[in-house]
N, C-alpha and C. Protein backbone atom coordinates (compact mmCIF):
# COMPACT_ATOMS: atom_id res chain seq x y z
N GLU A 1 -13.85 -35.68 11.13
CA GLU A 1 -14.56 -34.41 11.24
C GLU A 1 -14.04 -33.61 12.44
N ILE A 2 -13.70 -34.29 13.50
CA ILE A 2 -13.18 -33.60 14.69
C ILE A 2 -11.83 -32.96 14.37
N PHE A 3 -11.01 -33.67 13.55
CA PHE A 3 -9.71 -33.11 13.18
C PHE A 3 -9.87 -31.86 12.33
N ASN A 4 -10.91 -31.84 11.50
CA ASN A 4 -11.18 -30.68 10.67
C ASN A 4 -11.53 -29.48 11.54
N ILE A 5 -12.39 -29.67 12.51
CA ILE A 5 -12.79 -28.59 13.41
C ILE A 5 -11.60 -28.15 14.26
N LEU A 6 -10.84 -29.12 14.76
CA LEU A 6 -9.67 -28.80 15.57
C LEU A 6 -8.62 -28.04 14.75
N GLY A 7 -8.44 -28.43 13.51
CA GLY A 7 -7.50 -27.74 12.63
C GLY A 7 -7.91 -26.30 12.40
N LYS A 8 -9.20 -26.07 12.17
CA LYS A 8 -9.70 -24.71 11.97
C LYS A 8 -9.49 -23.86 13.22
N CYS A 9 -9.73 -24.44 14.38
CA CYS A 9 -9.54 -23.70 15.64
C CYS A 9 -8.07 -23.34 15.85
N ILE A 10 -7.19 -24.26 15.52
CA ILE A 10 -5.75 -23.99 15.67
C ILE A 10 -5.32 -22.88 14.71
N ILE A 11 -5.81 -22.92 13.49
CA ILE A 11 -5.47 -21.89 12.51
C ILE A 11 -5.99 -20.53 12.96
N LYS A 12 -7.24 -20.49 13.46
CA LYS A 12 -7.81 -19.23 13.94
C LYS A 12 -7.01 -18.68 15.12
N LEU A 13 -6.61 -19.55 16.02
CA LEU A 13 -5.82 -19.13 17.17
C LEU A 13 -4.46 -18.59 16.73
N ALA A 14 -3.83 -19.28 15.78
CA ALA A 14 -2.52 -18.83 15.29
C ALA A 14 -2.64 -17.47 14.61
N LEU A 15 -3.68 -17.26 13.81
CA LEU A 15 -3.88 -15.97 13.15
C LEU A 15 -4.17 -14.87 14.16
N PHE A 16 -4.93 -15.18 15.19
CA PHE A 16 -5.23 -14.20 16.23
C PHE A 16 -3.95 -13.79 16.96
N LEU A 17 -3.13 -14.77 17.33
CA LEU A 17 -1.87 -14.45 18.01
C LEU A 17 -0.92 -13.66 17.11
N LEU A 18 -0.89 -14.01 15.85
CA LEU A 18 -0.05 -13.28 14.90
C LEU A 18 -0.52 -11.83 14.76
N SER A 19 -1.82 -11.63 14.70
CA SER A 19 -2.34 -10.26 14.60
C SER A 19 -2.06 -9.48 15.88
N CYS A 20 -2.11 -10.14 17.04
CA CYS A 20 -1.80 -9.46 18.30
C CYS A 20 -0.35 -8.99 18.33
N LEU A 21 0.52 -9.70 17.66
CA LEU A 21 1.93 -9.30 17.61
C LEU A 21 2.18 -8.23 16.54
N LEU A 22 1.54 -8.36 15.39
CA LEU A 22 1.85 -7.49 14.27
C LEU A 22 1.16 -6.13 14.33
N ILE A 23 -0.06 -6.06 14.82
CA ILE A 23 -0.81 -4.80 14.81
C ILE A 23 -0.09 -3.70 15.58
N PRO A 24 0.40 -3.93 16.80
CA PRO A 24 1.12 -2.84 17.48
C PRO A 24 2.39 -2.40 16.74
N ILE A 25 3.09 -3.34 16.15
CA ILE A 25 4.31 -2.99 15.41
C ILE A 25 3.97 -2.13 14.20
N LEU A 26 2.93 -2.51 13.47
CA LEU A 26 2.55 -1.75 12.29
C LEU A 26 2.02 -0.37 12.66
N ARG A 27 1.32 -0.25 13.77
CA ARG A 27 0.83 1.06 14.21
C ARG A 27 1.97 1.96 14.63
N LEU A 28 2.98 1.40 15.27
CA LEU A 28 4.14 2.22 15.65
C LEU A 28 4.90 2.71 14.43
N ARG A 29 4.97 1.89 13.40
CA ARG A 29 5.64 2.32 12.17
C ARG A 29 4.87 3.44 11.50
N GLY A 30 3.55 3.44 11.65
CA GLY A 30 2.73 4.48 11.05
C GLY A 30 2.84 5.82 11.74
N LEU A 31 3.37 5.85 12.96
CA LEU A 31 3.49 7.10 13.70
C LEU A 31 4.72 7.90 13.29
N LYS A 32 5.62 7.30 12.53
CA LYS A 32 6.81 8.02 12.07
C LYS A 32 6.40 9.17 11.17
N LYS A 33 7.24 10.19 11.12
CA LYS A 33 6.98 11.33 10.25
C LYS A 33 7.08 10.87 8.80
N GLN A 34 6.05 11.16 8.03
CA GLN A 34 6.03 10.76 6.63
C GLN A 34 6.92 11.68 5.81
N LYS A 35 7.66 11.11 4.89
CA LYS A 35 8.49 11.92 4.01
C LYS A 35 7.59 12.56 2.96
N THR A 36 7.77 13.86 2.75
CA THR A 36 6.96 14.56 1.76
C THR A 36 7.76 14.72 0.48
N CYS A 37 7.05 14.72 -0.62
CA CYS A 37 7.69 14.91 -1.92
C CYS A 37 7.84 16.40 -2.19
N PRO A 38 8.88 16.79 -2.89
CA PRO A 38 9.03 18.21 -3.24
C PRO A 38 7.95 18.61 -4.25
N PRO A 39 7.65 19.89 -4.35
CA PRO A 39 6.63 20.32 -5.31
C PRO A 39 7.08 20.07 -6.75
N ILE A 40 6.12 19.88 -7.63
CA ILE A 40 6.41 19.62 -9.04
C ILE A 40 6.88 20.91 -9.69
N GLN A 41 8.02 20.84 -10.37
CA GLN A 41 8.57 22.02 -11.02
C GLN A 41 8.45 21.95 -12.54
N ASN A 42 8.27 20.76 -13.09
CA ASN A 42 8.16 20.59 -14.53
C ASN A 42 6.68 20.54 -14.90
N ASN A 43 6.22 21.51 -15.72
CA ASN A 43 4.80 21.60 -16.06
C ASN A 43 4.32 20.45 -16.94
N ILE A 44 5.22 19.74 -17.58
CA ILE A 44 4.82 18.59 -18.40
C ILE A 44 4.13 17.54 -17.54
N LEU A 45 4.52 17.45 -16.30
CA LEU A 45 3.94 16.44 -15.42
C LEU A 45 2.48 16.72 -15.09
N TYR A 46 2.01 17.92 -15.34
CA TYR A 46 0.60 18.25 -15.10
C TYR A 46 -0.29 17.85 -16.27
N LEU A 47 0.29 17.57 -17.43
CA LEU A 47 -0.50 17.22 -18.61
C LEU A 47 -1.00 15.78 -18.52
N SER A 48 -2.17 15.56 -19.12
CA SER A 48 -2.68 14.19 -19.18
C SER A 48 -1.88 13.40 -20.22
N ALA A 49 -1.99 12.11 -20.16
CA ALA A 49 -1.21 11.25 -21.07
C ALA A 49 -1.64 11.46 -22.52
N THR A 50 -2.94 11.67 -22.76
CA THR A 50 -3.40 11.85 -24.14
C THR A 50 -2.91 13.17 -24.71
N LYS A 51 -2.94 14.24 -23.91
CA LYS A 51 -2.45 15.53 -24.39
C LYS A 51 -0.94 15.47 -24.63
N LEU A 52 -0.24 14.78 -23.77
CA LEU A 52 1.20 14.64 -23.93
C LEU A 52 1.53 13.84 -25.18
N ALA A 53 0.78 12.78 -25.44
CA ALA A 53 0.99 11.97 -26.65
C ALA A 53 0.72 12.80 -27.90
N MET A 54 -0.32 13.65 -27.85
CA MET A 54 -0.63 14.49 -28.99
C MET A 54 0.50 15.50 -29.25
N LYS A 55 1.06 16.06 -28.19
CA LYS A 55 2.16 17.01 -28.34
C LYS A 55 3.40 16.31 -28.91
N ILE A 56 3.63 15.08 -28.49
CA ILE A 56 4.78 14.33 -29.01
C ILE A 56 4.60 14.05 -30.49
N ARG A 57 3.38 13.68 -30.89
CA ARG A 57 3.13 13.40 -32.31
C ARG A 57 3.29 14.65 -33.16
N LYS A 58 2.87 15.79 -32.62
CA LYS A 58 2.98 17.06 -33.35
C LYS A 58 4.37 17.67 -33.22
N ARG A 59 5.23 17.04 -32.43
CA ARG A 59 6.59 17.49 -32.18
C ARG A 59 6.62 18.90 -31.61
N GLU A 60 5.76 19.14 -30.65
CA GLU A 60 5.73 20.45 -29.98
C GLU A 60 6.72 20.49 -28.84
């Protein structure tokens, strides 16, 4: 039973240390300028899937 408790404590400590290392790195990556997508130029992309399927069936 002592080994079980000791094992849990070691795992918790390892996860805590890992989070202390990873959180600052991940936050720094989030500060980069996000790439933006160009505006949509094709109006078909605004249609829902059901309307698009109906147009395909009707060969519009």
